[in-house]
Amino acid sequence: MRQRIGQLMALGLMAVLFMGMPSLAAEDPIPGLERERDASPRRAAARHDLAEAYYLRARAALDDQRYPEYEQDLGRALDEWIVALRLEPESPRPHTWMGIVAIYQGDIDRALRSFANARRLAPRDWVNYTNIAETMIYRGRLDSAEKFLRRGEDLRADPAIVELNMSLLNWRAGRLDDAQYHFEEAYHLDPEVVKTWNEAPISSPLRTFDDLTRYCCGSPSCGPYMGEACEASELEVAERIVPAEVARQELVLEMERRRKLREIYGKRRDLGVEIEEDPREKERAVEIEVERDQDQE
C-alpha cells in the first residue's frame, strides 16, 4: 500500500508499492482508530485508516497461525474498505490495499485488476504504475513491467522505488550483476524503502542484494512468484500454506467483496472500475486489459 503503499507492494508494494500507518510493534492503534471512525462514521479516510490497521493485524495473526483472528480481522478490513468506497467511490486507496491483500493471498489476477482500478481512478499517480510494474514482474512480463516503470518515472516516481523494482526485474531475468547494482542504487537513495514488505515490517533490515533475495524467497508474498529466480540463487521458496477451512473463508470473503463492489460501481460505470463476476474463474488475460488501457492514454 506513508504513500509507500502503492509504492512497493512487495517491493513496489513495499509500493505503495506500496500513508502514515502506525507500527503494530508499538501500542495497538486500533482502539483509537475505532473511536475516530465512530466519531466520524461518514469520513472515508477514517474508515480506510482503520481498515489498514485491521489488515496489518490480520497479517500478523496469519504469520503466527492464529487463524480465527486472521479471518476476523481480514473480514473487518474488507468491510471498512467497502464502506470507504461507498462514501468515496472515486478513491483509489482501497483498491490499492485490496491488491496488496490479493498478492499476499497468491492471486495475481485479482491483484493486477485492483491496481488497474486504482490507476483508472488516479491516472496521474505514479504509485499505481509501479504497483502494476511489480505485478507484471511476478507474472514474468518483464517488457510490460519496464514500460509501466518508465511511465511512473514520467510521473516523477520515487527513484528509490523504481530502482528496487528494476532490481527485482533484473533478478527475474537472470541478470544478477544488474540486479545487485539497482538494489545498491535504491539503498543509497533511500534505505527506508527496504524496511517493509507488502506493507508489513521486516524484522531484519535489508542492506544487501543477498538480503533481498533471501527475504523474498522466504516470504509467501514474494517467493512463490519468483521461483525460478530463487532456484537460480540456490534459495528455497516459502510456499503459502493455509488450512482448507481458512482458504474457504478467504473465498467467501472475496465473493462478498466482489458482490458489494458491483453494487457500488454498477451505479458508477463512468469511473471505469472493473469487477470480476466470480473469483473461481480460471486463467484470464487481465494483463492484456491493463496494457490496452495504458496504450490508450
C-alpha atoms as a PDB file:
ATOM      1  CA  MET A   1       0.000   0.000   0.000  1.00  0.00           C
ATOM      2  CA  ARG A   2       3.498   6.914   4.112  1.00  0.00           C
ATOM      3  CA  GLN A   3       2.369   6.796   0.481  1.00  0.00           C
ATOM      4  CA  ARG A   4       4.632   3.769   0.265  1.00  0.00           C
ATOM      5  CA  ILE A   5       1.619   1.658  -0.003  1.00  0.00           C
ATOM      6  CA  GLY A   6       1.307   1.566  -3.681  1.00  0.00           C
ATOM      7  CA  GLN A   7       4.939   2.217  -3.874  1.00  0.00           C
ATOM      8  CA  LEU A   8       6.280  -1.092  -3.054  1.00  0.00           C
ATOM      9  CA  MET A   9       3.579  -3.655  -2.977  1.00  0.00           C
ATOM     10  CA  ALA A  10       6.082  -6.267  -2.019  1.00  0.00           C
ATOM     11  CA  LEU A  11       8.818  -4.146  -3.036  1.00  0.00           C
ATOM     12  CA  GLY A  12       6.928  -1.721  -5.198  1.00  0.00           C
ATOM     13  CA  LEU A  13       4.425  -2.896  -2.622  1.00  0.00           C
ATOM     14  CA  MET A  14       6.943  -2.199  -0.401  1.00  0.00           C
ATOM     15  CA  ALA A  15       4.930   0.226  -3.258  1.00  0.00           C
ATOM     16  CA  VAL A  16       2.864   1.725  -2.389  1.00  0.00           C
ATOM     17  CA  LEU A  17       4.087  -0.407  -3.749  1.00  0.00           C
ATOM     18  CA  PHE A  18       3.021   0.398  -1.976  1.00  0.00           C
ATOM     19  CA  MET A  19       0.219   6.922   4.455  1.00  0.00           C
ATOM     20  CA  GLY A  20       1.436   7.144   7.916  1.00  0.00           C
ATOM     21  CA  MET A  21       0.400   3.722   9.182  1.00  0.00           C
ATOM     22  CA  PRO A  22       1.310   3.305  12.867  1.00  0.00           C
ATOM     23  CA  SER A  23       3.631   0.406  13.691  1.00  0.00           C
ATOM     24  CA  LEU A  24       1.957  -2.647  15.160  1.00  0.00           C
ATOM     25  CA  ALA A  25       5.072  -3.267  17.228  1.00  0.00           C
ATOM     26  CA  ALA A  26       4.138  -0.211  19.292  1.00  0.00           C
ATOM     27  CA  GLU A  27       0.864   0.336  21.123  1.00  0.00           C
ATOM     28  CA  ASP A  28      -2.113  -1.129  19.263  1.00  0.00           C
ATOM     29  CA  PRO A  29      -3.573   1.763  17.217  1.00  0.00           C
ATOM     30  CA  ILE A  30      -6.900   0.053  16.568  1.00  0.00           C
ATOM     31  CA  PRO A  31      -8.891   1.234  19.636  1.00  0.00           C
ATOM     32  CA  GLY A  32      -8.047   4.855  18.826  1.00  0.00           C
ATOM     33  CA  LEU A  33      -8.876   4.397  15.149  1.00  0.00           C
ATOM     34  CA  GLU A  34     -12.184   2.762  16.065  1.00  0.00           C
ATOM     35  CA  ARG A  35     -13.035   5.793  18.196  1.00  0.00           C
ATOM     36  CA  GLU A  36     -12.185   8.092  15.289  1.00  0.00           C
ATOM     37  CA  ARG A  37     -14.403   6.055  12.957  1.00  0.00           C
ATOM     38  CA  ASP A  38     -17.284   6.081  15.446  1.00  0.00           C
ATOM     39  CA  ALA A  39     -16.929   9.828  15.928  1.00  0.00           C
ATOM     40  CA  SER A  40     -16.933  10.464  12.145  1.00  0.00           C
ATOM     41  CA  PRO A  41     -18.627   7.460  10.512  1.00  0.00           C
ATOM     42  CA  ARG A  42     -19.030   9.231   7.180  1.00  0.00           C
ATOM     43  CA  ARG A  43     -15.373  10.215   6.852  1.00  0.00           C
ATOM     44  CA  ALA A  44     -13.882   7.811   4.332  1.00  0.00           C
ATOM     45  CA  ALA A  45     -10.296   8.390   5.475  1.00  0.00           C
ATOM     46  CA  ALA A  46     -11.169   7.232   8.998  1.00  0.00           C
ATOM     47  CA  ARG A  47     -12.637   4.045   7.542  1.00  0.00           C
ATOM     48  CA  HIS A  48      -9.585   3.452   5.419  1.00  0.00           C
ATOM     49  CA  ASP A  49      -7.084   4.064   8.213  1.00  0.00           C
ATOM     50  CA  LEU A  50      -8.927   1.538  10.368  1.00  0.00           C
ATOM     51  CA  ALA A  51      -9.058  -0.968   7.505  1.00  0.00           C
ATOM     52  CA  GLU A  52      -5.270  -0.781   7.109  1.00  0.00           C
ATOM     53  CA  ALA A  53      -4.752  -1.402  10.813  1.00  0.00           C
ATOM     54  CA  TYR A  54      -7.157  -4.344  10.799  1.00  0.00           C
ATOM     55  CA  TYR A  55      -5.373  -5.862   7.819  1.00  0.00           C
ATOM     56  CA  LEU A  56      -1.895  -5.488   9.295  1.00  0.00           C
ATOM     57  CA  ARG A  57      -3.139  -7.124  12.481  1.00  0.00           C
ATOM     58  CA  ALA A  58      -4.679  -9.882  10.362  1.00  0.00           C
ATOM     59  CA  ARG A  59      -1.324 -10.405   8.621  1.00  0.00           C
ATOM     60  CA  ALA A  60       0.430 -10.730  11.969  1.00  0.00           C
ATOM     61  CA  ALA A  61      -2.172 -13.253  13.113  1.00  0.00           C
ATOM     62  CA  LEU A  62      -1.775 -15.258   9.896  1.00  0.00           C
ATOM     63  CA  ASP A  63       2.002 -15.332  10.229  1.00  0.00           C
ATOM     64  CA  ASP A  64       1.550 -16.642  13.788  1.00  0.00           C
ATOM     65  CA  GLN A  65      -1.038 -19.208  12.593  1.00  0.00           C
ATOM     66  CA  ARG A  66      -3.775 -17.620  14.702  1.00  0.00           C
ATOM     67  CA  TYR A  67      -6.320 -18.351  12.010  1.00  0.00           C
ATOM     68  CA  PRO A  68      -9.601 -17.316  13.702  1.00  0.00           C
ATOM     69  CA  GLU A  69      -8.106 -13.890  14.464  1.00  0.00           C
ATOM     70  CA  TYR A  70      -6.818 -13.630  10.894  1.00  0.00           C
ATOM     71  CA  GLU A  71     -10.236 -14.378   9.404  1.00  0.00           C
ATOM     72  CA  GLN A  72     -11.988 -11.954  11.752  1.00  0.00           C
ATOM     73  CA  ASP A  73      -9.652  -9.022  11.127  1.00  0.00           C
ATOM     74  CA  LEU A  74      -9.458  -9.675   7.378  1.00  0.00           C
ATOM     75  CA  GLY A  75     -13.257  -9.507   7.254  1.00  0.00           C
ATOM     76  CA  ARG A  76     -13.243  -6.300   9.284  1.00  0.00           C
ATOM     77  CA  ALA A  77     -10.677  -4.722   6.972  1.00  0.00           C
ATOM     78  CA  LEU A  78     -12.654  -5.583   3.843  1.00  0.00           C
ATOM     79  CA  ASP A  79     -15.855  -4.254   5.416  1.00  0.00           C
ATOM     80  CA  GLU A  80     -14.211  -0.917   6.215  1.00  0.00           C
ATOM     81  CA  TRP A  81     -12.755  -0.585   2.712  1.00  0.00           C
ATOM     82  CA  ILE A  82     -16.165  -1.248   1.211  1.00  0.00           C
ATOM     83  CA  VAL A  83     -17.748   1.444   3.404  1.00  0.00           C
ATOM     84  CA  ALA A  84     -14.952   3.841   2.437  1.00  0.00           C
ATOM     85  CA  LEU A  85     -15.749   3.213  -1.242  1.00  0.00           C
ATOM     86  CA  ARG A  86     -19.466   3.665  -0.692  1.00  0.00           C
ATOM     87  CA  LEU A  87     -18.606   7.077   0.749  1.00  0.00           C
ATOM     88  CA  GLU A  88     -15.984   7.930  -1.903  1.00  0.00           C
ATOM     89  CA  PRO A  89     -16.240   5.672  -4.984  1.00  0.00           C
ATOM     90  CA  GLU A  90     -13.550   7.748  -6.732  1.00  0.00           C
ATOM     91  CA  SER A  91     -10.884   6.904  -4.143  1.00  0.00           C
ATOM     92  CA  PRO A  92      -8.052   4.674  -5.441  1.00  0.00           C
ATOM     93  CA  ARG A  93      -6.675   3.943  -1.978  1.00  0.00           C
ATOM     94  CA  PRO A  94      -8.877   0.954  -1.007  1.00  0.00           C
ATOM     95  CA  HIS A  95      -8.264  -0.629  -4.423  1.00  0.00           C
ATOM     96  CA  THR A  96      -4.518  -0.403  -3.839  1.00  0.00           C
ATOM     97  CA  TRP A  97      -4.806  -2.144  -0.499  1.00  0.00           C
ATOM     98  CA  MET A  98      -7.173  -4.784  -1.828  1.00  0.00           C
ATOM     99  CA  GLY A  99      -4.467  -5.504  -4.409  1.00  0.00           C
ATOM    100  CA  ILE A 100      -1.937  -5.914  -1.610  1.00  0.00           C
ATOM    101  CA  VAL A 101      -4.280  -8.396   0.083  1.00  0.00           C
ATOM    102  CA  ALA A 102      -4.552 -10.336  -3.176  1.00  0.00           C
ATOM    103  CA  ILE A 103      -0.772 -10.500  -3.604  1.00  0.00           C
ATOM    104  CA  TYR A 104      -0.381 -11.990  -0.146  1.00  0.00           C
ATOM    105  CA  GLN A 105      -3.160 -14.480  -0.864  1.00  0.00           C
ATOM    106  CA  GLY A 106      -1.449 -15.602  -4.064  1.00  0.00           C
ATOM    107  CA  ASP A 107      -3.995 -14.206  -6.538  1.00  0.00           C
ATOM    108  CA  ILE A 108      -2.073 -12.260  -9.189  1.00  0.00           C
ATOM    109  CA  ASP A 109      -5.105 -11.756 -11.446  1.00  0.00           C
ATOM    110  CA  ARG A 110      -7.061 -10.117  -8.648  1.00  0.00           C
ATOM    111  CA  ALA A 111      -4.091  -8.008  -7.559  1.00  0.00           C
ATOM    112  CA  LEU A 112      -3.495  -6.740 -11.072  1.00  0.00           C
ATOM    113  CA  ARG A 113      -7.148  -5.849 -11.522  1.00  0.00           C
ATOM    114  CA  SER A 114      -7.219  -3.966  -8.217  1.00  0.00           C
ATOM    115  CA  PHE A 115      -4.092  -1.990  -9.114  1.00  0.00           C
ATOM    116  CA  ALA A 116      -5.513  -1.304 -12.572  1.00  0.00           C
ATOM    117  CA  ASN A 117      -8.707   0.031 -10.979  1.00  0.00           C
ATOM    118  CA  ALA A 118      -6.633   2.292  -8.742  1.00  0.00           C
ATOM    119  CA  ARG A 119      -4.833   3.578 -11.836  1.00  0.00           C
ATOM    120  CA  ARG A 120      -8.100   4.248 -13.662  1.00  0.00           C
ATOM    121  CA  LEU A 121      -9.258   6.330 -10.703  1.00  0.00           C
ATOM    122  CA  ALA A 122      -5.918   8.163 -10.358  1.00  0.00           C
ATOM    123  CA  PRO A 123      -4.133   8.013 -13.728  1.00  0.00           C
ATOM    124  CA  ARG A 124      -1.577  10.665 -12.749  1.00  0.00           C
ATOM    125  CA  ASP A 125      -0.448   8.919  -9.566  1.00  0.00           C
ATOM    126  CA  TRP A 126       2.880   7.185 -10.206  1.00  0.00           C
ATOM    127  CA  VAL A 127       2.319   4.690  -7.380  1.00  0.00           C
ATOM    128  CA  ASN A 128      -0.251   2.875  -9.492  1.00  0.00           C
ATOM    129  CA  TYR A 129       2.279   2.345 -12.281  1.00  0.00           C
ATOM    130  CA  THR A 130       4.994   0.957 -10.014  1.00  0.00           C
ATOM    131  CA  ASN A 131       2.444  -1.402  -8.448  1.00  0.00           C
ATOM    132  CA  ILE A 132       1.355  -2.689 -11.844  1.00  0.00           C
ATOM    133  CA  ALA A 133       5.007  -2.982 -12.886  1.00  0.00           C
ATOM    134  CA  GLU A 134       5.832  -5.192  -9.941  1.00  0.00           C
ATOM    135  CA  THR A 135       2.833  -7.378 -10.595  1.00  0.00           C
ATOM    136  CA  MET A 136       3.974  -7.759 -14.194  1.00  0.00           C
ATOM    137  CA  ILE A 137       7.413  -8.801 -12.919  1.00  0.00           C
ATOM    138  CA  TYR A 138       5.765 -11.516 -10.859  1.00  0.00           C
ATOM    139  CA  ARG A 139       3.932 -12.653 -13.998  1.00  0.00           C
ATOM    140  CA  GLY A 140       7.180 -12.738 -15.949  1.00  0.00           C
ATOM    141  CA  ARG A 141       6.002  -9.957 -18.288  1.00  0.00           C
ATOM    142  CA  LEU A 142       9.259  -8.052 -17.989  1.00  0.00           C
ATOM    143  CA  ASP A 143       8.896  -5.824 -21.064  1.00  0.00           C
ATOM    144  CA  SER A 144       5.487  -4.667 -19.852  1.00  0.00           C
ATOM    145  CA  ALA A 145       6.857  -4.144 -16.352  1.00  0.00           C
ATOM    146  CA  GLU A 146       9.608  -1.890 -17.650  1.00  0.00           C
ATOM    147  CA  LYS A 147       7.085   0.070 -19.699  1.00  0.00           C
ATOM    148  CA  PHE A 148       4.999   0.794 -16.618  1.00  0.00           C
ATOM    149  CA  LEU A 149       8.082   1.722 -14.619  1.00  0.00           C
ATOM    150  CA  ARG A 150       9.084   4.239 -17.269  1.00  0.00           C
ATOM    151  CA  ARG A 151       5.592   5.710 -17.217  1.00  0.00           C
ATOM    152  CA  GLY A 152       5.913   6.002 -13.450  1.00  0.00           C
ATOM    153  CA  GLU A 153       9.197   7.833 -13.916  1.00  0.00           C
ATOM    154  CA  ASP A 154       7.481  10.244 -16.314  1.00  0.00           C
ATOM    155  CA  LEU A 155       5.081  10.996 -13.461  1.00  0.00           C
ATOM    156  CA  ARG A 156       8.008  11.612 -11.079  1.00  0.00           C
ATOM    157  CA  ALA A 157       8.023   8.303  -9.252  1.00  0.00           C
ATOM    158  CA  ASP A 158      10.275   7.917  -6.238  1.00  0.00           C
ATOM    159  CA  PRO A 159      13.656   6.958  -7.794  1.00  0.00           C
ATOM    160  CA  ALA A 160      14.454   4.529  -4.968  1.00  0.00           C
ATOM    161  CA  ILE A 161      11.261   2.591  -5.615  1.00  0.00           C
ATOM    162  CA  VAL A 162      11.944   2.468  -9.346  1.00  0.00           C
ATOM    163  CA  GLU A 163      15.453   1.149  -8.637  1.00  0.00           C
ATOM    164  CA  LEU A 164      14.074  -1.552  -6.325  1.00  0.00           C
ATOM    165  CA  ASN A 165      11.667  -2.688  -8.984  1.00  0.00           C
ATOM    166  CA  MET A 166      14.473  -2.699 -11.536  1.00  0.00           C
ATOM    167  CA  SER A 167      16.469  -4.885  -9.147  1.00  0.00           C
ATOM    168  CA  LEU A 168      13.576  -7.323  -8.923  1.00  0.00           C
ATOM    169  CA  LEU A 169      13.100  -7.237 -12.706  1.00  0.00           C
ATOM    170  CA  ASN A 170      16.749  -7.966 -13.447  1.00  0.00           C
ATOM    171  CA  TRP A 171      16.865 -10.720 -10.856  1.00  0.00           C
ATOM    172  CA  ARG A 172      13.839 -12.328 -12.518  1.00  0.00           C
ATOM    173  CA  ALA A 173      15.616 -12.009 -15.872  1.00  0.00           C
ATOM    174  CA  GLY A 174      18.746 -13.703 -14.529  1.00  0.00           C
ATOM    175  CA  ARG A 175      20.915 -10.578 -14.736  1.00  0.00           C
ATOM    176  CA  LEU A 176      22.334 -10.770 -11.217  1.00  0.00           C
ATOM    177  CA  ASP A 177      25.028  -8.098 -11.608  1.00  0.00           C
ATOM    178  CA  ASP A 178      22.440  -5.597 -12.851  1.00  0.00           C
ATOM    179  CA  ALA A 179      20.032  -6.638 -10.109  1.00  0.00           C
ATOM    180  CA  GLN A 180      22.671  -6.014  -7.457  1.00  0.00           C
ATOM    181  CA  TYR A 181      23.555  -2.647  -8.997  1.00  0.00           C
ATOM    182  CA  HIS A 182      19.936  -1.465  -8.916  1.00  0.00           C
ATOM    183  CA  PHE A 183      19.488  -2.641  -5.326  1.00  0.00           C
ATOM    184  CA  GLU A 184      22.582  -0.715  -4.249  1.00  0.00           C
ATOM    185  CA  GLU A 185      21.264   2.368  -6.041  1.00  0.00           C
ATOM    186  CA  ALA A 186      17.906   2.047  -4.251  1.00  0.00           C
ATOM    187  CA  TYR A 187      19.540   1.599  -0.874  1.00  0.00           C
ATOM    188  CA  HIS A 188      21.830   4.554  -1.478  1.00  0.00           C
ATOM    189  CA  LEU A 189      18.904   6.764  -2.466  1.00  0.00           C
ATOM    190  CA  ASP A 190      16.697   5.802   0.481  1.00  0.00           C
ATOM    191  CA  PRO A 191      17.388   2.948   2.947  1.00  0.00           C
ATOM    192  CA  GLU A 192      13.843   3.343   4.284  1.00  0.00           C
ATOM    193  CA  VAL A 193      12.326   1.647   1.219  1.00  0.00           C
ATOM    194  CA  VAL A 194      13.509  -1.776   2.374  1.00  0.00           C
ATOM    195  CA  LYS A 195      12.099  -1.631   5.906  1.00  0.00           C
ATOM    196  CA  THR A 196       8.696  -3.039   4.930  1.00  0.00           C
ATOM    197  CA  TRP A 197       7.489  -5.745   2.584  1.00  0.00           C
ATOM    198  CA  ASN A 198       3.917  -5.857   1.364  1.00  0.00           C
ATOM    199  CA  GLU A 199       3.349  -3.144   3.969  1.00  0.00           C
ATOM    200  CA  ALA A 200       4.398  -5.386   6.857  1.00  0.00           C
ATOM    201  CA  PRO A 201       7.521  -4.542   8.895  1.00  0.00           C
ATOM    202  CA  ILE A 202      10.688  -6.520   8.219  1.00  0.00           C
ATOM    203  CA  SER A 203      12.391  -7.832  11.355  1.00  0.00           C
ATOM    204  CA  SER A 204      15.911  -7.637   9.906  1.00  0.00           C
ATOM    205  CA  PRO A 205      16.765  -4.686   7.606  1.00  0.00           C
ATOM    206  CA  LEU A 206      17.643  -5.481   4.011  1.00  0.00           C
ATOM    207  CA  ARG A 207      21.059  -3.945   3.437  1.00  0.00           C
ATOM    208  CA  THR A 208      22.375  -6.009   0.538  1.00  0.00           C
ATOM    209  CA  PHE A 209      21.025  -7.664  -2.590  1.00  0.00           C
ATOM    210  CA  ASP A 210      21.629 -11.042  -0.947  1.00  0.00           C
ATOM    211  CA  ASP A 211      19.426  -9.911   1.949  1.00  0.00           C
ATOM    212  CA  LEU A 212      16.732  -9.062  -0.578  1.00  0.00           C
ATOM    213  CA  THR A 213      16.856 -12.430  -2.330  1.00  0.00           C
ATOM    214  CA  ARG A 214      16.811 -14.386   0.938  1.00  0.00           C
ATOM    215  CA  TYR A 215      13.894 -12.405   2.272  1.00  0.00           C
ATOM    216  CA  CYS A 216      11.892 -12.599  -0.939  1.00  0.00           C
ATOM    217  CA  CYS A 217      12.335 -16.322  -1.380  1.00  0.00           C
ATOM    218  CA  GLY A 218      11.454 -16.872   2.269  1.00  0.00           C
ATOM    219  CA  SER A 219       8.293 -14.752   2.103  1.00  0.00           C
ATOM    220  CA  PRO A 220       4.946 -16.036   0.769  1.00  0.00           C
ATOM    221  CA  SER A 221       4.254 -12.525  -0.542  1.00  0.00           C
ATOM    222  CA  CYS A 222       7.201 -12.727  -2.958  1.00  0.00           C
ATOM    223  CA  GLY A 223       8.916 -16.123  -3.139  1.00  0.00           C
ATOM    224  CA  PRO A 224       6.149 -18.079  -4.924  1.00  0.00           C
ATOM    225  CA  TYR A 225       6.204 -15.510  -7.748  1.00  0.00           C
ATOM    226  CA  MET A 226       9.988 -15.607  -8.121  1.00  0.00           C
ATOM    227  CA  GLY A 227      10.514 -19.367  -8.075  1.00  0.00           C
ATOM    228  CA  GLU A 228      12.944 -19.595 -10.989  1.00  0.00           C
ATOM    229  CA  ALA A 229      14.966 -16.650  -9.719  1.00  0.00           C
ATOM    230  CA  CYS A 230      15.084 -18.189  -6.234  1.00  0.00           C
ATOM    231  CA  GLU A 231      16.173 -21.513  -7.696  1.00  0.00           C
ATOM    232  CA  ALA A 232      18.927 -19.803  -9.699  1.00  0.00           C
ATOM    233  CA  SER A 233      20.064 -18.136  -6.482  1.00  0.00           C
ATOM    234  CA  GLU A 234      20.004 -21.545  -4.772  1.00  0.00           C
ATOM    235  CA  LEU A 235      17.330 -20.437  -2.342  1.00  0.00           C
ATOM    236  CA  GLU A 236      14.282 -22.380  -1.202  1.00  0.00           C
ATOM    237  CA  VAL A 237      10.874 -20.857  -1.866  1.00  0.00           C
ATOM    238  CA  ALA A 238       8.424 -20.410   1.001  1.00  0.00           C
ATOM    239  CA  GLU A 239       5.024 -21.515  -0.256  1.00  0.00           C
ATOM    240  CA  ARG A 240       1.815 -20.090   1.138  1.00  0.00           C
ATOM    241  CA  ILE A 241       0.098 -22.882   3.034  1.00  0.00           C
ATOM    242  CA  VAL A 242      -3.114 -22.345   4.989  1.00  0.00           C
ATOM    243  CA  PRO A 243      -5.689 -24.844   6.280  1.00  0.00           C
ATOM    244  CA  ALA A 244      -8.503 -25.699   3.879  1.00  0.00           C
ATOM    245  CA  GLU A 245     -11.082 -24.007   6.100  1.00  0.00           C
ATOM    246  CA  VAL A 246      -9.088 -20.770   6.091  1.00  0.00           C
ATOM    247  CA  ALA A 247      -8.832 -20.883   2.292  1.00  0.00           C
ATOM    248  CA  ARG A 248     -12.589 -21.475   2.121  1.00  0.00           C
ATOM    249  CA  GLN A 249     -13.273 -18.478   4.355  1.00  0.00           C
ATOM    250  CA  GLU A 250     -10.988 -16.320   2.215  1.00  0.00           C
ATOM    251  CA  LEU A 251     -13.054 -17.327  -0.802  1.00  0.00           C
ATOM    252  CA  VAL A 252     -16.309 -16.489   0.996  1.00  0.00           C
ATOM    253  CA  LEU A 253     -14.960 -13.049   1.926  1.00  0.00           C
ATOM    254  CA  GLU A 254     -13.742 -12.498  -1.628  1.00  0.00           C
ATOM    255  CA  MET A 255     -17.094 -13.366  -3.185  1.00  0.00           C
ATOM    256  CA  GLU A 256     -18.830 -10.981  -0.775  1.00  0.00           C
ATOM    257  CA  ARG A 257     -16.280  -8.256  -1.552  1.00  0.00           C
ATOM    258  CA  ARG A 258     -16.954  -8.521  -5.265  1.00  0.00           C
ATOM    259  CA  ARG A 259     -20.709  -8.540  -4.763  1.00  0.00           C
ATOM    260  CA  LYS A 260     -20.534  -5.303  -2.779  1.00  0.00           C
ATOM    261  CA  LEU A 261     -18.157  -3.683  -5.256  1.00  0.00           C
ATOM    262  CA  ARG A 262     -20.543  -4.500  -8.094  1.00  0.00           C
ATOM    263  CA  GLU A 263     -23.311  -2.758  -6.130  1.00  0.00           C
ATOM    264  CA  ILE A 264     -21.160   0.358  -5.822  1.00  0.00           C
ATOM    265  CA  TYR A 265     -19.719   0.543  -9.314  1.00  0.00           C
ATOM    266  CA  GLY A 266     -22.746  -0.738 -11.167  1.00  0.00           C
ATOM    267  CA  LYS A 267     -24.168   2.711 -10.445  1.00  0.00           C
ATOM    268  CA  ARG A 268     -20.939   4.500 -11.416  1.00  0.00           C
ATOM    269  CA  ARG A 269     -19.900   2.967 -14.717  1.00  0.00           C
ATOM    270  CA  ASP A 270     -18.374   6.311 -15.674  1.00  0.00           C
ATOM    271  CA  LEU A 271     -15.469   5.541 -13.336  1.00  0.00           C
ATOM    272  CA  GLY A 272     -14.358   2.526 -15.391  1.00  0.00           C
ATOM    273  CA  VAL A 273     -13.823   0.244 -12.393  1.00  0.00           C
ATOM    274  CA  GLU A 274     -13.981  -3.429 -13.388  1.00  0.00           C
ATOM    275  CA  ILE A 275     -15.031  -6.245 -11.056  1.00  0.00           C
ATOM    276  CA  GLU A 276     -14.802  -9.944 -11.903  1.00  0.00           C
ATOM    277  CA  GLU A 277     -18.032 -11.882 -11.886  1.00  0.00           C
ATOM    278  CA  ASP A 278     -16.764 -14.915  -9.994  1.00  0.00           C
ATOM    279  CA  PRO A 279     -13.485 -15.389  -8.062  1.00  0.00           C
ATOM    280  CA  ARG A 280     -13.436 -19.041  -9.098  1.00  0.00           C
ATOM    281  CA  GLU A 281     -12.825 -18.132 -12.730  1.00  0.00           C
ATOM    282  CA  LYS A 282      -9.638 -19.637 -14.111  1.00  0.00           C
ATOM    283  CA  GLU A 283      -6.937 -18.140 -16.332  1.00  0.00           C
ATOM    284  CA  ARG A 284      -7.736 -14.630 -17.544  1.00  0.00           C
ATOM    285  CA  ALA A 285      -5.868 -12.231 -19.815  1.00  0.00           C
ATOM    286  CA  VAL A 286      -6.034  -9.425 -17.258  1.00  0.00           C
ATOM    287  CA  GLU A 287      -2.612  -8.090 -18.157  1.00  0.00           C
ATOM    288  CA  ILE A 288      -3.796  -7.565 -21.746  1.00  0.00           C
ATOM    289  CA  GLU A 289      -6.590  -5.310 -20.485  1.00  0.00           C
ATOM    290  CA  VAL A 290      -4.137  -3.326 -18.373  1.00  0.00           C
ATOM    291  CA  GLU A 291      -1.683  -2.888 -21.237  1.00  0.00           C
ATOM    292  CA  ARG A 292      -4.528  -1.890 -23.553  1.00  0.00           C
ATOM    293  CA  ASP A 293      -5.596   0.819 -21.134  1.00  0.00           C
ATOM    294  CA  GLN A 294      -2.020   2.076 -20.918  1.00  0.00           C
ATOM    295  CA  ASP A 295      -1.651   2.220 -24.697  1.00  0.00           C
ATOM    296  CA  GLN A 296      -4.860   4.228 -24.992  1.00  0.00           C
ATOM    297  CA  GLU A 297      -3.636   7.018 -22.692  1.00  0.00           C
END
